[in-house]
Amino acid sequence: MNQIFAQLFYEMEKHRDTVLVTLIDAAGSVPRKSGSQMLVGANGRLTGTIGGGAVERRSEEMAMALLREKRSAVHDFLLHTAASGGDIGMVCGGDVTAHFQFIPAEDASWQALASALTERLTAHQRGWLVLREDGGCGALLGPEGLLWGDLPKGVELISLQTDCVRRGGVFSMPLPIGERALLFGAGHISQALCPLLVTVGFRPVVFDCRPELATRKLFPTAEEIICGDFTSIKDHLTVTEEDFVVIMTNGHMHDFQVEEQILRGAFAYVGVIGSRTKTASVNQRLREAGIPEESIAQVHTPIGTAIRAVTPAEIAVSIAGEMILCRAERRGDDPVPGRAPGR
């Protein structure tokens, strides 16, 4: 969303109209879920994706036509073989509804909304974008209430404070502020993992006790870099229930010190690098330190998905894959066996 609205702001500055395409309903097996977006200009898609394949191609064509007509619309797509012939040649087995929002370049309301939303995304602040099916200007909500725009009569703020919701002629979607990924240890694997996590929506924070490694030069994409003592994490940051923790320091003792502190609080995910022999030894020490068995059982170790990774880059891929899966499970995303974009 950040890239989409940054592009939207750029297009408006260049006095170019656009159409924002958003999936506002999805049922059954579909390439992308509700909330997926793309921005379309006069020559086609500018950025974003709603799943590729026929849905995206048809949506792009429809958006370009609506751009010429200077209007918004809502359209249903059938992703299965229909007796009426209303399908579009995809056999995923589901249906999607797309909202096409025409955005005039000179519309001051949309300019203000795009600016406010971009600022909130940049600051990693929670919020919700609200789109109107009637084509009116959207709105921006925060936990504190309405931040910009107006809501249709009868739509209450509380009804929008959830995940993607379509109700009363409006569609609300949460701002993707991204989960923090706390990387304890700044070695080769972290150096490979940090930029990879950024590409899939995590916000990496690197923590190491070695000043020669905890540097912006080695971690240009990190949100924050901390050089501190592994025995006193709380002096430098507060770990929350939304944080993903990866532990791979420069020694078993440091790994244990970090793991013990993390397991005494809340977290979303904890992964620790190491062999099964090391894991058994560390787990015993954790028990002796009073860490509950249920907390120890939540640790992903050896860390990563089983892809026979060997190099730092391969291990980084395996760790990122496991974190993506954990994040999807926490969000309640439904798995679609064999799903691939555009199929």
C-alpha atoms as a PDB file:
ATOM      1  CA  MET A   1       0.000   0.000   0.000  1.00  0.00           C
ATOM      2  CA  ASN A   2       2.873   2.343   0.788  1.00  0.00           C
ATOM      3  CA  GLN A   3       4.236   2.031  -2.749  1.00  0.00           C
ATOM      4  CA  ILE A   4       0.781   2.367  -4.277  1.00  0.00           C
ATOM      5  CA  PHE A   5      -0.043   5.610  -2.480  1.00  0.00           C
ATOM      6  CA  ALA A   6       3.436   7.007  -3.019  1.00  0.00           C
ATOM      7  CA  GLN A   7       2.884   6.378  -6.746  1.00  0.00           C
ATOM      8  CA  LEU A   8      -0.611   7.881  -6.529  1.00  0.00           C
ATOM      9  CA  PHE A   9       0.810  11.024  -4.940  1.00  0.00           C
ATOM     10  CA  TYR A  10       3.429  11.229  -7.707  1.00  0.00           C
ATOM     11  CA  GLU A  11       0.827  10.803 -10.455  1.00  0.00           C
ATOM     12  CA  MET A  12      -1.349  13.539  -8.946  1.00  0.00           C
ATOM     13  CA  GLU A  13       1.631  15.894  -8.793  1.00  0.00           C
ATOM     14  CA  LYS A  14       2.138  15.213 -12.515  1.00  0.00           C
ATOM     15  CA  HIS A  15      -1.558  16.018 -13.121  1.00  0.00           C
ATOM     16  CA  ARG A  16      -2.365  12.471 -14.266  1.00  0.00           C
ATOM     17  CA  ASP A  17      -5.681  10.798 -13.383  1.00  0.00           C
ATOM     18  CA  THR A  18      -5.588   7.220 -12.063  1.00  0.00           C
ATOM     19  CA  VAL A  19      -7.852   4.341 -11.061  1.00  0.00           C
ATOM     20  CA  LEU A  20      -7.230   2.483  -7.806  1.00  0.00           C
ATOM     21  CA  VAL A  21      -8.349  -1.163  -8.122  1.00  0.00           C
ATOM     22  CA  THR A  22      -9.092  -2.983  -4.850  1.00  0.00           C
ATOM     23  CA  LEU A  23     -10.426  -6.475  -4.253  1.00  0.00           C
ATOM     24  CA  ILE A  24     -13.272  -5.871  -1.805  1.00  0.00           C
ATOM     25  CA  ASP A  25     -14.702  -9.396  -1.731  1.00  0.00           C
ATOM     26  CA  ALA A  26     -13.185 -12.837  -2.274  1.00  0.00           C
ATOM     27  CA  ALA A  27     -14.793 -16.243  -1.851  1.00  0.00           C
ATOM     28  CA  GLY A  28     -13.388 -19.723  -2.427  1.00  0.00           C
ATOM     29  CA  SER A  29      -9.997 -20.359  -4.019  1.00  0.00           C
ATOM     30  CA  VAL A  30      -8.651 -17.075  -5.376  1.00  0.00           C
ATOM     31  CA  PRO A  31      -5.162 -15.789  -6.325  1.00  0.00           C
ATOM     32  CA  ARG A  32      -5.279 -12.881  -3.844  1.00  0.00           C
ATOM     33  CA  LYS A  33      -7.472 -12.036  -0.871  1.00  0.00           C
ATOM     34  CA  SER A  34      -9.564  -8.958  -0.095  1.00  0.00           C
ATOM     35  CA  GLY A  35      -7.511  -5.809   0.268  1.00  0.00           C
ATOM     36  CA  SER A  36      -5.142  -6.523  -2.617  1.00  0.00           C
ATOM     37  CA  GLN A  37      -4.647  -3.413  -4.742  1.00  0.00           C
ATOM     38  CA  MET A  38      -3.105  -2.045  -7.924  1.00  0.00           C
ATOM     39  CA  LEU A  39      -2.930   1.427  -9.400  1.00  0.00           C
ATOM     40  CA  VAL A  40      -3.715   1.922 -13.092  1.00  0.00           C
ATOM     41  CA  GLY A  41      -2.855   4.861 -15.327  1.00  0.00           C
ATOM     42  CA  ALA A  42      -3.695   5.748 -18.913  1.00  0.00           C
ATOM     43  CA  ASN A  43      -1.141   3.248 -20.264  1.00  0.00           C
ATOM     44  CA  GLY A  44      -1.932   0.398 -17.883  1.00  0.00           C
ATOM     45  CA  ARG A  45      -0.841  -0.891 -14.472  1.00  0.00           C
ATOM     46  CA  LEU A  46       1.531   1.396 -12.605  1.00  0.00           C
ATOM     47  CA  THR A  47       2.193  -0.609  -9.431  1.00  0.00           C
ATOM     48  CA  GLY A  48       0.651  -3.253  -7.175  1.00  0.00           C
ATOM     49  CA  THR A  49      -1.102  -6.494  -8.076  1.00  0.00           C
ATOM     50  CA  ILE A  50      -4.452  -8.167  -7.469  1.00  0.00           C
ATOM     51  CA  GLY A  51      -3.202 -11.633  -8.378  1.00  0.00           C
ATOM     52  CA  GLY A  52      -2.117 -11.645 -11.998  1.00  0.00           C
ATOM     53  CA  GLY A  53      -3.745 -13.757 -14.684  1.00  0.00           C
ATOM     54  CA  ALA A  54      -7.104 -13.033 -16.279  1.00  0.00           C
ATOM     55  CA  VAL A  55      -8.546 -11.111 -13.310  1.00  0.00           C
ATOM     56  CA  GLU A  56      -5.702  -8.620 -13.350  1.00  0.00           C
ATOM     57  CA  ARG A  57      -5.705  -8.336 -17.145  1.00  0.00           C
ATOM     58  CA  ARG A  58      -9.461  -7.751 -17.306  1.00  0.00           C
ATOM     59  CA  SER A  59      -9.297  -5.343 -14.363  1.00  0.00           C
ATOM     60  CA  GLU A  60      -6.507  -3.390 -16.013  1.00  0.00           C
ATOM     61  CA  GLU A  61      -8.530  -3.087 -19.222  1.00  0.00           C
ATOM     62  CA  MET A  62     -11.646  -2.066 -17.304  1.00  0.00           C
ATOM     63  CA  ALA A  63      -9.695   0.493 -15.250  1.00  0.00           C
ATOM     64  CA  MET A  64      -8.281   2.097 -18.402  1.00  0.00           C
ATOM     65  CA  ALA A  65     -11.794   2.332 -19.860  1.00  0.00           C
ATOM     66  CA  LEU A  66     -13.154   3.868 -16.646  1.00  0.00           C
ATOM     67  CA  LEU A  67     -10.245   6.300 -16.669  1.00  0.00           C
ATOM     68  CA  ARG A  68     -11.322   7.548 -20.065  1.00  0.00           C
ATOM     69  CA  GLU A  69     -14.927   7.765 -18.849  1.00  0.00           C
ATOM     70  CA  LYS A  70     -13.816   9.453 -15.592  1.00  0.00           C
ATOM     71  CA  ARG A  71     -15.963   7.268 -13.335  1.00  0.00           C
ATOM     72  CA  SER A  72     -15.778   4.575 -10.647  1.00  0.00           C
ATOM     73  CA  ALA A  73     -17.395   1.119 -10.638  1.00  0.00           C
ATOM     74  CA  VAL A  74     -17.717  -2.242  -8.864  1.00  0.00           C
ATOM     75  CA  HIS A  75     -17.415  -5.490 -10.831  1.00  0.00           C
ATOM     76  CA  ASP A  76     -17.708  -9.227 -10.030  1.00  0.00           C
ATOM     77  CA  PHE A  77     -15.377 -11.826 -11.559  1.00  0.00           C
ATOM     78  CA  LEU A  78     -16.189 -15.555 -11.645  1.00  0.00           C
ATOM     79  CA  LEU A  79     -13.097 -17.763 -11.352  1.00  0.00           C
ATOM     80  CA  HIS A  80     -14.779 -21.016 -12.285  1.00  0.00           C
ATOM     81  CA  THR A  81     -16.641 -22.547 -15.172  1.00  0.00           C
ATOM     82  CA  ALA A  82     -20.164 -21.154 -15.179  1.00  0.00           C
ATOM     83  CA  ALA A  83     -23.066 -22.530 -17.174  1.00  0.00           C
ATOM     84  CA  SER A  84     -24.061 -18.981 -18.047  1.00  0.00           C
ATOM     85  CA  GLY A  85     -20.699 -18.365 -19.625  1.00  0.00           C
ATOM     86  CA  GLY A  86     -19.956 -15.526 -17.205  1.00  0.00           C
ATOM     87  CA  ASP A  87     -16.590 -16.875 -16.116  1.00  0.00           C
ATOM     88  CA  ILE A  88     -13.319 -15.407 -17.369  1.00  0.00           C
ATOM     89  CA  GLY A  89     -11.413 -18.569 -18.163  1.00  0.00           C
ATOM     90  CA  MET A  90      -9.841 -19.155 -14.732  1.00  0.00           C
ATOM     91  CA  VAL A  91     -10.611 -22.309 -12.774  1.00  0.00           C
ATOM     92  CA  CYS A  92      -9.443 -21.374  -9.258  1.00  0.00           C
ATOM     93  CA  GLY A  93     -12.946 -22.148  -8.030  1.00  0.00           C
ATOM     94  CA  GLY A  94     -13.795 -18.837  -6.353  1.00  0.00           C
ATOM     95  CA  ASP A  95     -15.229 -15.406  -7.052  1.00  0.00           C
ATOM     96  CA  VAL A  96     -13.858 -11.902  -6.485  1.00  0.00           C
ATOM     97  CA  THR A  97     -15.358  -8.437  -6.496  1.00  0.00           C
ATOM     98  CA  ALA A  98     -13.196  -5.501  -7.545  1.00  0.00           C
ATOM     99  CA  HIS A  99     -13.756  -1.854  -6.705  1.00  0.00           C
ATOM    100  CA  PHE A 100     -12.540   0.643  -9.316  1.00  0.00           C
ATOM    101  CA  GLN A 101     -11.965   4.079  -7.788  1.00  0.00           C
ATOM    102  CA  PHE A 102     -11.467   6.878 -10.283  1.00  0.00           C
ATOM    103  CA  ILE A 103      -9.122   9.505  -8.775  1.00  0.00           C
ATOM    104  CA  PRO A 104      -8.913  12.857 -10.579  1.00  0.00           C
ATOM    105  CA  ALA A 105      -5.451  14.374 -10.370  1.00  0.00           C
ATOM    106  CA  GLU A 106      -6.848  17.752  -9.339  1.00  0.00           C
ATOM    107  CA  ASP A 107      -9.071  16.388  -6.542  1.00  0.00           C
ATOM    108  CA  ALA A 108      -7.877  18.177  -3.378  1.00  0.00           C
ATOM    109  CA  SER A 109      -9.659  15.670  -1.107  1.00  0.00           C
ATOM    110  CA  TRP A 110      -7.818  12.692  -2.584  1.00  0.00           C
ATOM    111  CA  GLN A 111      -4.541  14.629  -2.493  1.00  0.00           C
ATOM    112  CA  ALA A 112      -5.020  15.260   1.230  1.00  0.00           C
ATOM    113  CA  LEU A 113      -6.055  11.662   1.903  1.00  0.00           C
ATOM    114  CA  ALA A 114      -3.049  10.263   0.016  1.00  0.00           C
ATOM    115  CA  SER A 115      -0.735  12.572   1.941  1.00  0.00           C
ATOM    116  CA  ALA A 116      -2.221  11.700   5.349  1.00  0.00           C
ATOM    117  CA  LEU A 117      -2.182   7.983   4.613  1.00  0.00           C
ATOM    118  CA  THR A 118       1.429   8.047   3.364  1.00  0.00           C
ATOM    119  CA  GLU A 119       2.525   9.883   6.508  1.00  0.00           C
ATOM    120  CA  ARG A 120       0.811   7.306   8.725  1.00  0.00           C
ATOM    121  CA  LEU A 121       2.355   4.396   6.827  1.00  0.00           C
ATOM    122  CA  THR A 122       5.809   5.973   7.040  1.00  0.00           C
ATOM    123  CA  ALA A 123       5.386   6.403  10.807  1.00  0.00           C
ATOM    124  CA  HIS A 124       4.210   2.754  11.138  1.00  0.00           C
ATOM    125  CA  GLN A 125       1.012   3.885  12.855  1.00  0.00           C
ATOM    126  CA  ARG A 126      -2.083   1.702  12.886  1.00  0.00           C
ATOM    127  CA  GLY A 127      -5.041   2.786  10.834  1.00  0.00           C
ATOM    128  CA  TRP A 128      -7.683   1.827   8.293  1.00  0.00           C
ATOM    129  CA  LEU A 129      -8.356   3.020   4.755  1.00  0.00           C
ATOM    130  CA  VAL A 130     -12.065   3.255   3.946  1.00  0.00           C
ATOM    131  CA  LEU A 131     -13.264   3.180   0.328  1.00  0.00           C
ATOM    132  CA  ARG A 132     -16.782   4.087  -0.779  1.00  0.00           C
ATOM    133  CA  GLU A 133     -18.478   1.867  -3.336  1.00  0.00           C
ATOM    134  CA  ASP A 134     -20.363   4.883  -4.686  1.00  0.00           C
ATOM    135  CA  GLY A 135     -17.060   6.401  -5.873  1.00  0.00           C
ATOM    136  CA  GLY A 136     -16.881   9.171  -3.291  1.00  0.00           C
ATOM    137  CA  CYS A 137     -13.604  10.145  -1.640  1.00  0.00           C
ATOM    138  CA  GLY A 138     -12.302   7.640   0.879  1.00  0.00           C
ATOM    139  CA  ALA A 139     -11.526   8.149   4.554  1.00  0.00           C
ATOM    140  CA  LEU A 140      -8.698   7.396   6.957  1.00  0.00           C
ATOM    141  CA  LEU A 141      -9.303   5.991  10.417  1.00  0.00           C
ATOM    142  CA  GLY A 142      -7.000   5.488  13.372  1.00  0.00           C
ATOM    143  CA  PRO A 143      -7.535   3.834  16.754  1.00  0.00           C
ATOM    144  CA  GLU A 144      -8.348   7.347  17.992  1.00  0.00           C
ATOM    145  CA  GLY A 145     -11.173   7.805  15.476  1.00  0.00           C
ATOM    146  CA  LEU A 146     -11.770   9.466  12.106  1.00  0.00           C
ATOM    147  CA  LEU A 147      -8.585  11.153  10.853  1.00  0.00           C
ATOM    148  CA  TRP A 148      -9.625  12.319   7.391  1.00  0.00           C
ATOM    149  CA  GLY A 149     -12.721  12.283   5.211  1.00  0.00           C
ATOM    150  CA  ASP A 150     -16.347  11.413   5.900  1.00  0.00           C
ATOM    151  CA  LEU A 151     -18.223   8.156   6.374  1.00  0.00           C
ATOM    152  CA  PRO A 152     -21.620   7.434   4.799  1.00  0.00           C
ATOM    153  CA  LYS A 153     -24.599   7.941   7.073  1.00  0.00           C
ATOM    154  CA  GLY A 154     -25.225   4.944   9.306  1.00  0.00           C
ATOM    155  CA  VAL A 155     -21.671   3.612   9.186  1.00  0.00           C
ATOM    156  CA  GLU A 156     -20.162   3.515  12.677  1.00  0.00           C
ATOM    157  CA  LEU A 157     -16.454   3.729  13.425  1.00  0.00           C
ATOM    158  CA  ILE A 158     -16.546   0.646  15.620  1.00  0.00           C
ATOM    159  CA  SER A 159     -17.855  -1.471  12.733  1.00  0.00           C
ATOM    160  CA  LEU A 160     -14.649  -0.748  10.806  1.00  0.00           C
ATOM    161  CA  GLN A 161     -12.080  -1.498  13.504  1.00  0.00           C
ATOM    162  CA  THR A 162     -11.332  -5.031  12.289  1.00  0.00           C
ATOM    163  CA  ASP A 163      -9.619  -6.707   9.333  1.00  0.00           C
ATOM    164  CA  CYS A 164     -10.910  -6.111   5.800  1.00  0.00           C
ATOM    165  CA  VAL A 165     -14.660  -5.507   6.048  1.00  0.00           C
ATOM    166  CA  ARG A 166     -17.289  -4.767   3.393  1.00  0.00           C
ATOM    167  CA  ARG A 167     -20.434  -3.313   4.923  1.00  0.00           C
ATOM    168  CA  GLY A 168     -22.978  -0.588   4.269  1.00  0.00           C
ATOM    169  CA  GLY A 169     -21.524   0.461   0.933  1.00  0.00           C
ATOM    170  CA  VAL A 170     -17.995   0.887   2.258  1.00  0.00           C
ATOM    171  CA  PHE A 171     -14.878  -1.273   2.380  1.00  0.00           C
ATOM    172  CA  SER A 172     -12.303  -0.856   5.148  1.00  0.00           C
ATOM    173  CA  MET A 173      -8.821  -2.346   5.201  1.00  0.00           C
ATOM    174  CA  PRO A 174      -6.015  -2.098   7.788  1.00  0.00           C
ATOM    175  CA  LEU A 175      -2.847  -0.218   6.930  1.00  0.00           C
ATOM    176  CA  PRO A 176       0.058  -2.662   6.443  1.00  0.00           C
ATOM    177  CA  ILE A 177       2.517  -1.142   8.910  1.00  0.00           C
ATOM    178  CA  GLY A 178       4.549  -4.372   9.029  1.00  0.00           C
ATOM    179  CA  GLU A 179       5.742  -6.518  11.921  1.00  0.00           C
ATOM    180  CA  ARG A 180       9.099  -5.876  13.572  1.00  0.00           C
ATOM    181  CA  ALA A 181      11.723  -8.577  13.108  1.00  0.00           C
ATOM    182  CA  LEU A 182      14.275  -8.438  15.931  1.00  0.00           C
ATOM    183  CA  LEU A 183      17.520  -9.994  14.699  1.00  0.00           C
ATOM    184  CA  PHE A 184      19.841 -10.811  17.602  1.00  0.00           C
ATOM    185  CA  GLY A 185      23.241 -11.313  16.015  1.00  0.00           C
ATOM    186  CA  ALA A 186      24.704  -9.385  13.086  1.00  0.00           C
ATOM    187  CA  GLY A 187      26.617 -12.148  11.340  1.00  0.00           C
ATOM    188  CA  HIS A 188      26.463 -13.400   7.763  1.00  0.00           C
ATOM    189  CA  ILE A 189      22.971 -14.886   8.018  1.00  0.00           C
ATOM    190  CA  SER A 190      21.481 -11.707   9.468  1.00  0.00           C
ATOM    191  CA  GLN A 191      23.191  -9.700   6.735  1.00  0.00           C
ATOM    192  CA  ALA A 192      21.437 -11.880   4.149  1.00  0.00           C
ATOM    193  CA  LEU A 193      18.145 -12.046   6.044  1.00  0.00           C
ATOM    194  CA  CYS A 194      17.651  -8.344   6.773  1.00  0.00           C
ATOM    195  CA  PRO A 195      17.111  -7.103   3.172  1.00  0.00           C
ATOM    196  CA  LEU A 196      15.034 -10.178   2.352  1.00  0.00           C
ATOM    197  CA  LEU A 197      12.634  -9.506   5.229  1.00  0.00           C
ATOM    198  CA  VAL A 198      12.137  -5.933   4.068  1.00  0.00           C
ATOM    199  CA  THR A 199      10.904  -7.165   0.676  1.00  0.00           C
ATOM    200  CA  VAL A 200       8.152  -9.225   2.356  1.00  0.00           C
ATOM    201  CA  GLY A 201       6.905  -6.533   4.707  1.00  0.00           C
ATOM    202  CA  PHE A 202       8.878  -7.019   7.927  1.00  0.00           C
ATOM    203  CA  ARG A 203      10.704  -4.178   9.684  1.00  0.00           C
ATOM    204  CA  PRO A 204      14.118  -5.520  10.761  1.00  0.00           C
ATOM    205  CA  VAL A 205      15.881  -4.311  13.905  1.00  0.00           C
ATOM    206  CA  VAL A 206      19.454  -5.605  14.326  1.00  0.00           C
ATOM    207  CA  PHE A 207      20.944  -6.098  17.825  1.00  0.00           C
ATOM    208  CA  ASP A 208      24.565  -7.096  18.458  1.00  0.00           C
ATOM    209  CA  CYS A 209      27.257  -6.467  21.053  1.00  0.00           C
ATOM    210  CA  ARG A 210      29.997  -6.031  18.428  1.00  0.00           C
ATOM    211  CA  PRO A 211      30.335  -2.437  17.205  1.00  0.00           C
ATOM    212  CA  GLU A 212      32.192  -3.504  14.080  1.00  0.00           C
ATOM    213  CA  LEU A 213      29.116  -5.467  12.927  1.00  0.00           C
ATOM    214  CA  ALA A 214      26.239  -3.366  14.249  1.00  0.00           C
ATOM    215  CA  THR A 215      26.662  -0.778  11.511  1.00  0.00           C
ATOM    216  CA  ARG A 216      24.516   0.924   8.887  1.00  0.00           C
ATOM    217  CA  LYS A 217      27.065  -0.077   6.248  1.00  0.00           C
ATOM    218  CA  LEU A 218      26.297  -3.781   6.800  1.00  0.00           C
ATOM    219  CA  PHE A 219      22.559  -3.252   7.368  1.00  0.00           C
ATOM    220  CA  PRO A 220      21.408  -0.391   5.105  1.00  0.00           C
ATOM    221  CA  THR A 221      17.804  -1.660   5.060  1.00  0.00           C
ATOM    222  CA  ALA A 222      17.365  -2.114   8.816  1.00  0.00           C
ATOM    223  CA  GLU A 223      14.834   0.099  10.563  1.00  0.00           C
ATOM    224  CA  GLU A 224      17.151   0.318  13.577  1.00  0.00           C
ATOM    225  CA  ILE A 225      20.583  -0.947  14.561  1.00  0.00           C
ATOM    226  CA  ILE A 226      21.443  -1.428  18.237  1.00  0.00           C
ATOM    227  CA  CYS A 227      24.878  -2.097  19.691  1.00  0.00           C
ATOM    228  CA  GLY A 228      24.301  -3.303  23.238  1.00  0.00           C
ATOM    229  CA  ASP A 229      24.790  -5.982  25.853  1.00  0.00           C
ATOM    230  CA  PHE A 230      22.891  -9.213  25.173  1.00  0.00           C
ATOM    231  CA  THR A 231      22.264  -9.574  28.919  1.00  0.00           C
ATOM    232  CA  SER A 232      20.190  -6.377  29.135  1.00  0.00           C
ATOM    233  CA  ILE A 233      17.842  -6.234  26.134  1.00  0.00           C
ATOM    234  CA  LYS A 234      15.263  -4.152  28.013  1.00  0.00           C
ATOM    235  CA  ASP A 235      17.766  -1.311  28.322  1.00  0.00           C
ATOM    236  CA  HIS A 236      17.615  -0.853  24.567  1.00  0.00           C
ATOM    237  CA  LEU A 237      14.175  -1.986  23.376  1.00  0.00           C
ATOM    238  CA  THR A 238      10.841  -3.378  24.521  1.00  0.00           C
ATOM    239  CA  VAL A 239       9.776  -6.671  22.963  1.00  0.00           C
ATOM    240  CA  THR A 240       6.027  -6.881  22.319  1.00  0.00           C
ATOM    241  CA  GLU A 241       3.536  -9.593  21.462  1.00  0.00           C
ATOM    242  CA  GLU A 242       3.660  -8.457  17.819  1.00  0.00           C
ATOM    243  CA  ASP A 243       7.435  -8.905  17.417  1.00  0.00           C
ATOM    244  CA  PHE A 244       9.176 -11.691  15.482  1.00  0.00           C
ATOM    245  CA  VAL A 245      12.455 -12.653  17.171  1.00  0.00           C
ATOM    246  CA  VAL A 246      15.377 -14.364  15.435  1.00  0.00           C
ATOM    247  CA  ILE A 247      18.273 -15.448  17.673  1.00  0.00           C
ATOM    248  CA  MET A 248      21.628 -16.250  16.059  1.00  0.00           C
ATOM    249  CA  THR A 249      24.352 -14.530  18.060  1.00  0.00           C
ATOM    250  CA  ASN A 250      28.089 -15.285  18.080  1.00  0.00           C
ATOM    251  CA  GLY A 251      27.915 -17.938  20.802  1.00  0.00           C
ATOM    252  CA  HIS A 252      25.718 -20.462  22.629  1.00  0.00           C
ATOM    253  CA  MET A 253      25.904 -18.438  25.849  1.00  0.00           C
ATOM    254  CA  HIS A 254      24.622 -15.290  24.151  1.00  0.00           C
ATOM    255  CA  ASP A 255      21.869 -17.291  22.458  1.00  0.00           C
ATOM    256  CA  PHE A 256      20.781 -18.606  25.858  1.00  0.00           C
ATOM    257  CA  GLN A 257      20.908 -15.157  27.446  1.00  0.00           C
ATOM    258  CA  VAL A 258      18.711 -13.664  24.740  1.00  0.00           C
ATOM    259  CA  GLU A 259      16.305 -16.596  24.616  1.00  0.00           C
ATOM    260  CA  GLU A 260      15.783 -16.589  28.380  1.00  0.00           C
ATOM    261  CA  GLN A 261      14.836 -12.895  28.380  1.00  0.00           C
ATOM    262  CA  ILE A 262      12.531 -13.205  25.364  1.00  0.00           C
ATOM    263  CA  LEU A 263      10.667 -16.228  26.752  1.00  0.00           C
ATOM    264  CA  ARG A 264       9.823 -14.364  29.954  1.00  0.00           C
ATOM    265  CA  GLY A 265       7.619 -11.979  27.980  1.00  0.00           C
ATOM    266  CA  ALA A 266       5.227 -11.830  25.043  1.00  0.00           C
ATOM    267  CA  PHE A 267       6.225 -12.368  21.398  1.00  0.00           C
ATOM    268  CA  ALA A 268       4.767 -13.417  18.058  1.00  0.00           C
ATOM    269  CA  TYR A 269       7.548 -15.742  16.958  1.00  0.00           C
ATOM    270  CA  VAL A 270      10.914 -16.924  18.278  1.00  0.00           C
ATOM    271  CA  GLY A 271      13.407 -18.822  16.155  1.00  0.00           C
ATOM    272  CA  VAL A 272      16.846 -19.949  17.306  1.00  0.00           C
ATOM    273  CA  ILE A 273      19.648 -21.228  15.099  1.00  0.00           C
ATOM    274  CA  GLY A 274      21.533 -24.348  16.127  1.00  0.00           C
ATOM    275  CA  SER A 275      21.649 -28.124  16.060  1.00  0.00           C
ATOM    276  CA  ARG A 276      19.232 -30.429  17.873  1.00  0.00           C
ATOM    277  CA  THR A 277      22.004 -31.288  20.343  1.00  0.00           C
ATOM    278  CA  LYS A 278      22.485 -27.615  21.164  1.00  0.00           C
ATOM    279  CA  THR A 279      18.732 -27.142  21.408  1.00  0.00           C
ATOM    280  CA  ALA A 280      18.375 -29.944  23.955  1.00  0.00           C
ATOM    281  CA  SER A 281      21.171 -28.482  26.076  1.00  0.00           C
ATOM    282  CA  VAL A 282      19.762 -24.939  25.959  1.00  0.00           C
ATOM    283  CA  ASN A 283      16.231 -26.157  26.710  1.00  0.00           C
ATOM    284  CA  GLN A 284      17.457 -27.894  29.837  1.00  0.00           C
ATOM    285  CA  ARG A 285      19.141 -24.692  31.000  1.00  0.00           C
ATOM    286  CA  LEU A 286      15.945 -22.763  30.299  1.00  0.00           C
ATOM    287  CA  ARG A 287      13.975 -25.191  32.475  1.00  0.00           C
ATOM    288  CA  GLU A 288      16.512 -24.771  35.250  1.00  0.00           C
ATOM    289  CA  ALA A 289      16.110 -20.996  34.905  1.00  0.00           C
ATOM    290  CA  GLY A 290      12.372 -21.358  35.490  1.00  0.00           C
ATOM    291  CA  ILE A 291      11.105 -20.926  31.939  1.00  0.00           C
ATOM    292  CA  PRO A 292       7.732 -22.744  31.556  1.00  0.00           C
ATOM    293  CA  GLU A 293       7.621 -25.765  29.276  1.00  0.00           C
ATOM    294  CA  GLU A 294       4.840 -24.208  27.178  1.00  0.00           C
ATOM    295  CA  SER A 295       7.066 -21.206  26.411  1.00  0.00           C
ATOM    296  CA  ILE A 296       9.995 -23.420  25.420  1.00  0.00           C
ATOM    297  CA  ALA A 297       7.690 -25.414  23.125  1.00  0.00           C
ATOM    298  CA  GLN A 298       6.867 -22.260  21.143  1.00  0.00           C
ATOM    299  CA  VAL A 299      10.479 -21.804  20.000  1.00  0.00           C
ATOM    300  CA  HIS A 300      11.230 -22.691  16.377  1.00  0.00           C
ATOM    301  CA  THR A 301      14.549 -24.520  16.545  1.00  0.00           C
ATOM    302  CA  PRO A 302      16.403 -25.488  14.493  1.00  0.00           C
ATOM    303  CA  ILE A 303      15.137 -22.323  12.847  1.00  0.00           C
ATOM    304  CA  GLY A 304      13.725 -22.198   9.319  1.00  0.00           C
ATOM    305  CA  THR A 305      11.814 -24.425   6.947  1.00  0.00           C
ATOM    306  CA  ALA A 306      13.429 -27.714   5.935  1.00  0.00           C
ATOM    307  CA  ILE A 307      14.866 -26.908   2.495  1.00  0.00           C
ATOM    308  CA  ARG A 308      18.369 -28.307   3.131  1.00  0.00           C
ATOM    309  CA  ALA A 309      19.769 -24.795   3.274  1.00  0.00           C
ATOM    310  CA  VAL A 310      23.553 -24.535   3.573  1.00  0.00           C
ATOM    311  CA  THR A 311      24.785 -21.064   2.620  1.00  0.00           C
ATOM    312  CA  PRO A 312      23.862 -17.902   4.586  1.00  0.00           C
ATOM    313  CA  ALA A 313      21.614 -16.804   1.703  1.00  0.00           C
ATOM    314  CA  GLU A 314      19.816 -20.164   1.618  1.00  0.00           C
ATOM    315  CA  ILE A 315      19.382 -20.208   5.395  1.00  0.00           C
ATOM    316  CA  ALA A 316      17.992 -16.678   5.219  1.00  0.00           C
ATOM    317  CA  VAL A 317      15.393 -17.870   2.701  1.00  0.00           C
ATOM    318  CA  SER A 318      14.397 -20.772   4.966  1.00  0.00           C
ATOM    319  CA  ILE A 319      14.027 -18.443   7.970  1.00  0.00           C
ATOM    320  CA  ALA A 320      12.008 -15.894   6.008  1.00  0.00           C
ATOM    321  CA  GLY A 321       9.711 -18.665   4.758  1.00  0.00           C
ATOM    322  CA  GLU A 322       8.996 -19.860   8.282  1.00  0.00           C
ATOM    323  CA  MET A 323       8.320 -16.316   9.462  1.00  0.00           C
ATOM    324  CA  ILE A 324       5.937 -15.678   6.558  1.00  0.00           C
ATOM    325  CA  LEU A 325       4.018 -18.854   7.429  1.00  0.00           C
ATOM    326  CA  CYS A 326       3.813 -17.915  11.103  1.00  0.00           C
ATOM    327  CA  ARG A 327       2.603 -14.426  10.206  1.00  0.00           C
ATOM    328  CA  ALA A 328      -0.084 -15.810   7.882  1.00  0.00           C
ATOM    329  CA  GLU A 329      -1.280 -18.218  10.589  1.00  0.00           C
ATOM    330  CA  ARG A 330      -1.490 -15.387  13.111  1.00  0.00           C
ATOM    331  CA  ARG A 331      -3.532 -13.321  10.661  1.00  0.00           C
ATOM    332  CA  GLY A 332      -5.858 -16.241  10.034  1.00  0.00           C
ATOM    333  CA  ASP A 333      -5.120 -16.406   6.313  1.00  0.00           C
ATOM    334  CA  ASP A 334      -6.743 -19.464   4.785  1.00  0.00           C
ATOM    335  CA  PRO A 335      -4.330 -21.794   2.980  1.00  0.00           C
ATOM    336  CA  VAL A 336      -5.150 -22.654  -0.608  1.00  0.00           C
ATOM    337  CA  PRO A 337      -3.437 -25.923  -1.601  1.00  0.00           C
ATOM    338  CA  GLY A 338      -1.462 -25.620  -4.803  1.00  0.00           C
ATOM    339  CA  ARG A 339      -2.330 -21.965  -5.234  1.00  0.00           C
ATOM    340  CA  ALA A 340      -0.176 -19.912  -7.570  1.00  0.00           C
ATOM    341  CA  PRO A 341      -0.707 -16.324  -8.733  1.00  0.00           C
ATOM    342  CA  GLY A 342      -2.949 -16.081 -11.758  1.00  0.00           C
ATOM    343  CA  ARG A 343      -4.199 -19.660 -11.653  1.00  0.00           C
END
